[in-house]
Amino acid sequence: MPLEVIGAGFGRTGTLSLCSALDHLGYKTHHMLTILTDPTQNADYFKQAYEDPDAPVDWERVYKGYTAAVDWPTAAFYEPLLARYPTAKVILTVRDPDLWYESASRTIREWPLSPDKVWPEHILKAQRMARTVVQEGELEGPRFVDRERIITKYLNHNDHVIATVPPDQLLVLDITTETDDMLWRKLATFLKIEKVPDIPFPHKNKANGFPDLLEYARLEYSKNDLLLSTKLTD
């Protein structure tokens, strides 16, 4: 099952909102939250691919069952993914760079897991991957405190996506400023979907709700893991 849509936008640019919107449009969408909650996912694939960018990657195995992928870690691999799936559409989510930096500072830079909870090894493995790919990699670890440096990296990434993806395969989307109707229309037009949804656009994962999202991931993974175990023993 090939990827039809690749999200190239950094985390904290509305990627979970985009994920929900794509799901509504009929895609099965991969997101960092997917890695946390889907017991069939293996975060080590992404960690190894980031640590050894020249090693071959079986992207079909990595994204098995998914037709779209957004957020980190996907955004860090948008170029090899587009090379593997050359007809895929690319969506670059963007937002005001200062607001992006502030949001990242309060959420994904730390990725805190509450010490009074029991976290499954699956989620701890995903956290280690996120530390490699996101916190120490894309956000440059201790250099993240250099606001100007990191904002410049964010802007350079966006410029690089625009310069390297064919214009007819790229949609630049600011979920934070567009109206719901315009967001749906842009997505539907870009993805050649005739019926524009007549519902509010999903606005998910506000910065102040990030700890709740991690707790949701913990509970959802436990539920999904139990369902998978039951299915395998039937």
C-alpha atoms as a PDB file:
ATOM      1  CA  MET A   1       0.000   0.000   0.000  1.00  0.00           C
ATOM      2  CA  PRO A   2       1.868   3.127  -1.173  1.00  0.00           C
ATOM      3  CA  LEU A   3       1.831   6.450   0.620  1.00  0.00           C
ATOM      4  CA  GLU A   4      -0.375   8.877  -1.285  1.00  0.00           C
ATOM      5  CA  VAL A   5       0.175  11.897   0.970  1.00  0.00           C
ATOM      6  CA  ILE A   6       3.413  12.909   2.711  1.00  0.00           C
ATOM      7  CA  GLY A   7       3.456  15.598   5.384  1.00  0.00           C
ATOM      8  CA  ALA A   8       6.656  17.646   5.280  1.00  0.00           C
ATOM      9  CA  GLY A   9       5.783  20.144   8.013  1.00  0.00           C
ATOM     10  CA  PHE A  10       7.561  20.206  11.361  1.00  0.00           C
ATOM     11  CA  GLY A  11       5.696  19.070  14.443  1.00  0.00           C
ATOM     12  CA  ARG A  12       3.640  21.806  16.165  1.00  0.00           C
ATOM     13  CA  THR A  13       2.382  23.182  12.843  1.00  0.00           C
ATOM     14  CA  GLY A  14      -1.069  21.605  13.026  1.00  0.00           C
ATOM     15  CA  THR A  15      -0.038  18.096  12.055  1.00  0.00           C
ATOM     16  CA  LEU A  16      -2.547  16.309  14.293  1.00  0.00           C
ATOM     17  CA  SER A  17      -5.309  18.512  12.901  1.00  0.00           C
ATOM     18  CA  LEU A  18      -4.174  17.592   9.391  1.00  0.00           C
ATOM     19  CA  CYS A  19      -4.047  13.928  10.381  1.00  0.00           C
ATOM     20  CA  SER A  20      -7.672  14.046  11.540  1.00  0.00           C
ATOM     21  CA  ALA A  21      -8.743  15.903   8.404  1.00  0.00           C
ATOM     22  CA  LEU A  22      -7.059  13.378   6.118  1.00  0.00           C
ATOM     23  CA  ASP A  23      -8.673  10.515   8.012  1.00  0.00           C
ATOM     24  CA  HIS A  24     -12.044  12.178   7.466  1.00  0.00           C
ATOM     25  CA  LEU A  25     -11.288  12.389   3.748  1.00  0.00           C
ATOM     26  CA  GLY A  26     -10.728   8.639   3.600  1.00  0.00           C
ATOM     27  CA  TYR A  27      -7.006   8.225   4.196  1.00  0.00           C
ATOM     28  CA  LYS A  28      -5.411   6.058   6.882  1.00  0.00           C
ATOM     29  CA  THR A  29      -2.978   8.569   8.317  1.00  0.00           C
ATOM     30  CA  HIS A  30       0.244   7.963  10.226  1.00  0.00           C
ATOM     31  CA  HIS A  31       1.377  10.454  12.903  1.00  0.00           C
ATOM     32  CA  MET A  32       3.711  10.420  15.889  1.00  0.00           C
ATOM     33  CA  LEU A  33       0.613   9.605  17.924  1.00  0.00           C
ATOM     34  CA  THR A  34       0.207   6.508  15.746  1.00  0.00           C
ATOM     35  CA  ILE A  35       3.613   5.237  16.811  1.00  0.00           C
ATOM     36  CA  LEU A  36       2.598   5.688  20.435  1.00  0.00           C
ATOM     37  CA  THR A  37      -0.788   3.987  20.189  1.00  0.00           C
ATOM     38  CA  ASP A  38      -0.415   1.325  17.471  1.00  0.00           C
ATOM     39  CA  PRO A  39       1.197  -1.838  18.914  1.00  0.00           C
ATOM     40  CA  THR A  40       2.189  -2.987  15.412  1.00  0.00           C
ATOM     41  CA  GLN A  41       4.425   0.065  14.959  1.00  0.00           C
ATOM     42  CA  ASN A  42       8.171  -0.177  15.591  1.00  0.00           C
ATOM     43  CA  ALA A  43       9.776   3.148  16.503  1.00  0.00           C
ATOM     44  CA  ASP A  44      13.235   1.652  15.988  1.00  0.00           C
ATOM     45  CA  TYR A  45      12.754   1.734  12.211  1.00  0.00           C
ATOM     46  CA  PHE A  46      12.719   5.522  12.306  1.00  0.00           C
ATOM     47  CA  LYS A  47      15.540   5.765  14.832  1.00  0.00           C
ATOM     48  CA  GLN A  48      17.791   3.542  12.739  1.00  0.00           C
ATOM     49  CA  ALA A  49      16.932   5.369   9.509  1.00  0.00           C
ATOM     50  CA  TYR A  50      17.807   8.708  11.105  1.00  0.00           C
ATOM     51  CA  GLU A  51      21.068   7.466  12.608  1.00  0.00           C
ATOM     52  CA  ASP A  52      22.167   5.827   9.337  1.00  0.00           C
ATOM     53  CA  PRO A  53      20.658   7.840   6.456  1.00  0.00           C
ATOM     54  CA  ASP A  54      22.580   5.859   3.830  1.00  0.00           C
ATOM     55  CA  ALA A  55      21.185   2.491   4.896  1.00  0.00           C
ATOM     56  CA  PRO A  56      18.314   1.078   2.820  1.00  0.00           C
ATOM     57  CA  VAL A  57      14.867   1.340   4.412  1.00  0.00           C
ATOM     58  CA  ASP A  58      11.844  -0.840   3.696  1.00  0.00           C
ATOM     59  CA  TRP A  59       9.334   2.018   3.730  1.00  0.00           C
ATOM     60  CA  GLU A  60       6.482  -0.360   2.858  1.00  0.00           C
ATOM     61  CA  ARG A  61       7.098  -2.207   6.104  1.00  0.00           C
ATOM     62  CA  VAL A  62       7.486   1.024   8.082  1.00  0.00           C
ATOM     63  CA  TYR A  63       4.148   2.442   6.875  1.00  0.00           C
ATOM     64  CA  LYS A  64       2.278  -0.827   6.400  1.00  0.00           C
ATOM     65  CA  GLY A  65      -1.462  -0.207   6.387  1.00  0.00           C
ATOM     66  CA  TYR A  66      -1.195   3.576   5.994  1.00  0.00           C
ATOM     67  CA  THR A  67      -1.911   5.725   2.932  1.00  0.00           C
ATOM     68  CA  ALA A  68      -0.822   9.080   4.354  1.00  0.00           C
ATOM     69  CA  ALA A  69       1.807  10.179   6.875  1.00  0.00           C
ATOM     70  CA  VAL A  70       2.330  13.510   8.620  1.00  0.00           C
ATOM     71  CA  ASP A  71       4.263  14.984  11.575  1.00  0.00           C
ATOM     72  CA  TRP A  72       7.649  13.873  12.821  1.00  0.00           C
ATOM     73  CA  PRO A  73       9.298  11.481  12.275  1.00  0.00           C
ATOM     74  CA  THR A  74       7.841  11.454   8.735  1.00  0.00           C
ATOM     75  CA  ALA A  75       8.765  15.086   8.044  1.00  0.00           C
ATOM     76  CA  ALA A  76      12.436  14.267   8.619  1.00  0.00           C
ATOM     77  CA  PHE A  77      12.271  11.720   5.784  1.00  0.00           C
ATOM     78  CA  TYR A  78      10.092  13.522   3.247  1.00  0.00           C
ATOM     79  CA  GLU A  79      12.807  13.474   0.549  1.00  0.00           C
ATOM     80  CA  PRO A  80      13.545   9.712   0.552  1.00  0.00           C
ATOM     81  CA  LEU A  81       9.810   9.089   0.881  1.00  0.00           C
ATOM     82  CA  LEU A  82       9.058  11.224  -2.159  1.00  0.00           C
ATOM     83  CA  ALA A  83      11.806   9.407  -4.031  1.00  0.00           C
ATOM     84  CA  ARG A  84      10.131   6.109  -3.099  1.00  0.00           C
ATOM     85  CA  TYR A  85       6.615   7.386  -3.859  1.00  0.00           C
ATOM     86  CA  PRO A  86       7.209   9.922  -6.659  1.00  0.00           C
ATOM     87  CA  THR A  87       3.515  10.534  -7.376  1.00  0.00           C
ATOM     88  CA  ALA A  88       2.624  11.268  -3.759  1.00  0.00           C
ATOM     89  CA  LYS A  89       1.171  14.623  -2.791  1.00  0.00           C
ATOM     90  CA  VAL A  90       3.171  16.642  -0.262  1.00  0.00           C
ATOM     91  CA  ILE A  91       1.537  18.902   2.320  1.00  0.00           C
ATOM     92  CA  LEU A  92       3.724  21.439   4.095  1.00  0.00           C
ATOM     93  CA  THR A  93       2.039  22.727   7.240  1.00  0.00           C
ATOM     94  CA  VAL A  94       3.411  26.067   8.416  1.00  0.00           C
ATOM     95  CA  ARG A  95       2.700  28.663  11.077  1.00  0.00           C
ATOM     96  CA  ASP A  96       4.163  31.897  12.397  1.00  0.00           C
ATOM     97  CA  PRO A  97       7.789  30.996  13.271  1.00  0.00           C
ATOM     98  CA  ASP A  98       7.771  32.666  16.684  1.00  0.00           C
ATOM     99  CA  LEU A  99       4.539  30.927  17.651  1.00  0.00           C
ATOM    100  CA  TRP A 100       5.956  27.643  16.373  1.00  0.00           C
ATOM    101  CA  TYR A 101       9.070  28.044  18.530  1.00  0.00           C
ATOM    102  CA  GLU A 102       7.029  28.859  21.623  1.00  0.00           C
ATOM    103  CA  SER A 103       4.778  25.845  21.074  1.00  0.00           C
ATOM    104  CA  ALA A 104       7.715  23.502  20.503  1.00  0.00           C
ATOM    105  CA  SER A 105       9.400  24.865  23.636  1.00  0.00           C
ATOM    106  CA  ARG A 106       6.405  23.936  25.780  1.00  0.00           C
ATOM    107  CA  THR A 107       5.762  20.495  24.296  1.00  0.00           C
ATOM    108  CA  ILE A 108       7.932  18.335  22.070  1.00  0.00           C
ATOM    109  CA  ARG A 109      11.246  19.752  23.228  1.00  0.00           C
ATOM    110  CA  GLU A 110      10.840  17.902  26.517  1.00  0.00           C
ATOM    111  CA  TRP A 111       8.217  15.198  25.902  1.00  0.00           C
ATOM    112  CA  PRO A 112       7.718  14.686  29.653  1.00  0.00           C
ATOM    113  CA  LEU A 113       6.264  11.370  30.796  1.00  0.00           C
ATOM    114  CA  SER A 114       4.654  11.649  34.209  1.00  0.00           C
ATOM    115  CA  PRO A 115       6.815   9.729  36.735  1.00  0.00           C
ATOM    116  CA  ASP A 116       3.755   8.584  38.676  1.00  0.00           C
ATOM    117  CA  LYS A 117       2.444   6.564  35.715  1.00  0.00           C
ATOM    118  CA  VAL A 118       3.515   3.156  34.429  1.00  0.00           C
ATOM    119  CA  TRP A 119       4.594   3.617  30.813  1.00  0.00           C
ATOM    120  CA  PRO A 120       4.682   0.590  28.480  1.00  0.00           C
ATOM    121  CA  GLU A 121       8.030  -0.267  26.895  1.00  0.00           C
ATOM    122  CA  HIS A 122       6.426   0.430  23.509  1.00  0.00           C
ATOM    123  CA  ILE A 123       5.942   4.085  24.466  1.00  0.00           C
ATOM    124  CA  LEU A 124       9.371   4.329  26.088  1.00  0.00           C
ATOM    125  CA  LYS A 125      10.866   3.056  22.829  1.00  0.00           C
ATOM    126  CA  ALA A 126       8.930   5.726  20.938  1.00  0.00           C
ATOM    127  CA  GLN A 127      10.244   8.323  23.380  1.00  0.00           C
ATOM    128  CA  ARG A 128      13.824   7.211  22.677  1.00  0.00           C
ATOM    129  CA  MET A 129      13.178   7.498  18.957  1.00  0.00           C
ATOM    130  CA  ALA A 130      11.700  10.974  19.417  1.00  0.00           C
ATOM    131  CA  ARG A 131      14.758  12.003  21.404  1.00  0.00           C
ATOM    132  CA  THR A 132      17.014  10.910  18.530  1.00  0.00           C
ATOM    133  CA  VAL A 133      14.970  12.225  15.618  1.00  0.00           C
ATOM    134  CA  VAL A 134      13.240  15.254  17.097  1.00  0.00           C
ATOM    135  CA  GLN A 135      14.790  16.590  20.290  1.00  0.00           C
ATOM    136  CA  GLU A 136      18.471  15.877  19.611  1.00  0.00           C
ATOM    137  CA  GLY A 137      18.122  15.784  15.828  1.00  0.00           C
ATOM    138  CA  GLU A 138      15.736  18.235  14.213  1.00  0.00           C
ATOM    139  CA  LEU A 139      15.601  20.507  17.282  1.00  0.00           C
ATOM    140  CA  GLU A 140      19.379  20.220  17.845  1.00  0.00           C
ATOM    141  CA  GLY A 141      19.371  19.329  21.530  1.00  0.00           C
ATOM    142  CA  PRO A 142      21.018  21.996  23.724  1.00  0.00           C
ATOM    143  CA  ARG A 143      21.198  24.385  20.772  1.00  0.00           C
ATOM    144  CA  PHE A 144      17.427  24.692  20.855  1.00  0.00           C
ATOM    145  CA  VAL A 145      17.781  27.531  23.363  1.00  0.00           C
ATOM    146  CA  ASP A 146      19.277  29.603  20.518  1.00  0.00           C
ATOM    147  CA  ARG A 147      15.905  30.866  19.353  1.00  0.00           C
ATOM    148  CA  GLU A 148      17.193  32.618  16.230  1.00  0.00           C
ATOM    149  CA  ARG A 149      19.160  29.553  15.112  1.00  0.00           C
ATOM    150  CA  ILE A 150      16.220  27.171  15.470  1.00  0.00           C
ATOM    151  CA  ILE A 151      13.718  29.531  13.856  1.00  0.00           C
ATOM    152  CA  THR A 152      16.135  29.944  10.946  1.00  0.00           C
ATOM    153  CA  LYS A 153      16.335  26.157  10.643  1.00  0.00           C
ATOM    154  CA  TYR A 154      12.541  25.940  10.651  1.00  0.00           C
ATOM    155  CA  LEU A 155      12.246  28.572   7.904  1.00  0.00           C
ATOM    156  CA  ASN A 156      15.060  27.010   5.872  1.00  0.00           C
ATOM    157  CA  HIS A 157      13.308  23.647   6.050  1.00  0.00           C
ATOM    158  CA  ASN A 158      10.105  25.156   4.697  1.00  0.00           C
ATOM    159  CA  ASP A 159      12.003  26.909   1.910  1.00  0.00           C
ATOM    160  CA  HIS A 160      13.794  23.663   1.050  1.00  0.00           C
ATOM    161  CA  VAL A 161      10.516  21.769   0.774  1.00  0.00           C
ATOM    162  CA  ILE A 162       9.094  24.437  -1.531  1.00  0.00           C
ATOM    163  CA  ALA A 163      12.264  24.349  -3.651  1.00  0.00           C
ATOM    164  CA  THR A 164      12.465  20.560  -3.961  1.00  0.00           C
ATOM    165  CA  VAL A 165       8.866  19.396  -4.374  1.00  0.00           C
ATOM    166  CA  PRO A 166       7.241  19.885  -7.802  1.00  0.00           C
ATOM    167  CA  PRO A 167       4.697  22.727  -7.494  1.00  0.00           C
ATOM    168  CA  ASP A 168       1.794  20.590  -8.706  1.00  0.00           C
ATOM    169  CA  GLN A 169       2.502  18.064  -5.931  1.00  0.00           C
ATOM    170  CA  LEU A 170       2.805  20.573  -3.089  1.00  0.00           C
ATOM    171  CA  LEU A 171       0.255  22.288  -0.869  1.00  0.00           C
ATOM    172  CA  VAL A 172       1.434  24.820   1.714  1.00  0.00           C
ATOM    173  CA  LEU A 173      -1.149  25.049   4.472  1.00  0.00           C
ATOM    174  CA  ASP A 174      -1.375  27.336   7.505  1.00  0.00           C
ATOM    175  CA  ILE A 175      -3.988  25.675   9.681  1.00  0.00           C
ATOM    176  CA  THR A 176      -3.690  28.393  12.319  1.00  0.00           C
ATOM    177  CA  THR A 177      -4.847  31.305  10.122  1.00  0.00           C
ATOM    178  CA  GLU A 178      -7.175  29.914   7.432  1.00  0.00           C
ATOM    179  CA  THR A 179     -10.923  29.576   7.933  1.00  0.00           C
ATOM    180  CA  ASP A 180     -12.315  26.069   8.338  1.00  0.00           C
ATOM    181  CA  ASP A 181     -14.125  26.278   5.007  1.00  0.00           C
ATOM    182  CA  MET A 182     -10.990  27.409   3.184  1.00  0.00           C
ATOM    183  CA  LEU A 183      -8.895  24.654   4.756  1.00  0.00           C
ATOM    184  CA  TRP A 184     -11.343  21.990   3.591  1.00  0.00           C
ATOM    185  CA  ARG A 185     -11.568  23.536   0.127  1.00  0.00           C
ATOM    186  CA  LYS A 186      -7.807  23.702  -0.298  1.00  0.00           C
ATOM    187  CA  LEU A 187      -7.373  20.095   0.809  1.00  0.00           C
ATOM    188  CA  ALA A 188     -10.234  18.812  -1.328  1.00  0.00           C
ATOM    189  CA  THR A 189      -9.000  20.655  -4.419  1.00  0.00           C
ATOM    190  CA  PHE A 190      -5.407  19.546  -3.921  1.00  0.00           C
ATOM    191  CA  LEU A 191      -6.345  15.914  -3.340  1.00  0.00           C
ATOM    192  CA  LYS A 192      -8.971  15.933  -6.103  1.00  0.00           C
ATOM    193  CA  ILE A 193     -11.838  15.132  -3.751  1.00  0.00           C
ATOM    194  CA  GLU A 194     -15.151  16.293  -5.182  1.00  0.00           C
ATOM    195  CA  LYS A 195     -17.213  16.709  -2.025  1.00  0.00           C
ATOM    196  CA  VAL A 196     -15.965  19.410   0.327  1.00  0.00           C
ATOM    197  CA  PRO A 197     -16.812  18.464   3.940  1.00  0.00           C
ATOM    198  CA  ASP A 198     -19.426  20.690   5.534  1.00  0.00           C
ATOM    199  CA  ILE A 199     -18.185  20.265   9.088  1.00  0.00           C
ATOM    200  CA  PRO A 200     -15.763  22.209  11.299  1.00  0.00           C
ATOM    201  CA  PHE A 201     -12.119  21.579  10.487  1.00  0.00           C
ATOM    202  CA  PRO A 202     -10.496  19.589  13.313  1.00  0.00           C
ATOM    203  CA  HIS A 203      -8.214  21.722  15.462  1.00  0.00           C
ATOM    204  CA  LYS A 204      -6.289  19.299  17.661  1.00  0.00           C
ATOM    205  CA  ASN A 205      -3.404  19.172  20.127  1.00  0.00           C
ATOM    206  CA  LYS A 206      -3.158  22.655  21.578  1.00  0.00           C
ATOM    207  CA  ALA A 207       0.088  23.172  23.479  1.00  0.00           C
ATOM    208  CA  ASN A 208      -1.596  23.329  26.886  1.00  0.00           C
ATOM    209  CA  GLY A 209      -3.189  19.932  26.256  1.00  0.00           C
ATOM    210  CA  PHE A 210       0.049  18.096  25.456  1.00  0.00           C
ATOM    211  CA  PRO A 211       0.312  16.210  28.788  1.00  0.00           C
ATOM    212  CA  ASP A 212      -3.269  15.011  28.305  1.00  0.00           C
ATOM    213  CA  LEU A 213      -2.336  13.776  24.827  1.00  0.00           C
ATOM    214  CA  LEU A 214       0.493  11.681  26.258  1.00  0.00           C
ATOM    215  CA  GLU A 215      -1.864  10.212  28.847  1.00  0.00           C
ATOM    216  CA  TYR A 216      -4.365   9.446  26.076  1.00  0.00           C
ATOM    217  CA  ALA A 217      -1.578   7.681  24.164  1.00  0.00           C
ATOM    218  CA  ARG A 218      -0.737   5.550  27.204  1.00  0.00           C
ATOM    219  CA  LEU A 219      -4.327   4.419  27.684  1.00  0.00           C
ATOM    220  CA  GLU A 220      -5.010   3.958  23.971  1.00  0.00           C
ATOM    221  CA  TYR A 221      -1.894   1.838  23.494  1.00  0.00           C
ATOM    222  CA  SER A 222      -2.885  -0.428  26.395  1.00  0.00           C
ATOM    223  CA  LYS A 223      -6.349  -0.886  24.898  1.00  0.00           C
ATOM    224  CA  ASN A 224      -5.018  -1.556  21.392  1.00  0.00           C
ATOM    225  CA  ASP A 225      -2.368  -3.950  22.663  1.00  0.00           C
ATOM    226  CA  LEU A 226      -5.027  -5.942  24.522  1.00  0.00           C
ATOM    227  CA  LEU A 227      -7.228  -6.051  21.420  1.00  0.00           C
ATOM    228  CA  LEU A 228      -4.307  -7.230  19.294  1.00  0.00           C
ATOM    229  CA  SER A 229      -3.367  -9.918  21.815  1.00  0.00           C
ATOM    230  CA  THR A 230      -6.964 -11.137  21.934  1.00  0.00           C
ATOM    231  CA  LYS A 231      -7.155 -11.225  18.148  1.00  0.00           C
ATOM    232  CA  LEU A 232      -3.922 -13.208  17.871  1.00  0.00           C
ATOM    233  CA  THR A 233      -5.104 -15.825  20.377  1.00  0.00           C
ATOM    234  CA  ASP A 234      -8.573 -16.303  18.849  1.00  0.00           C
END
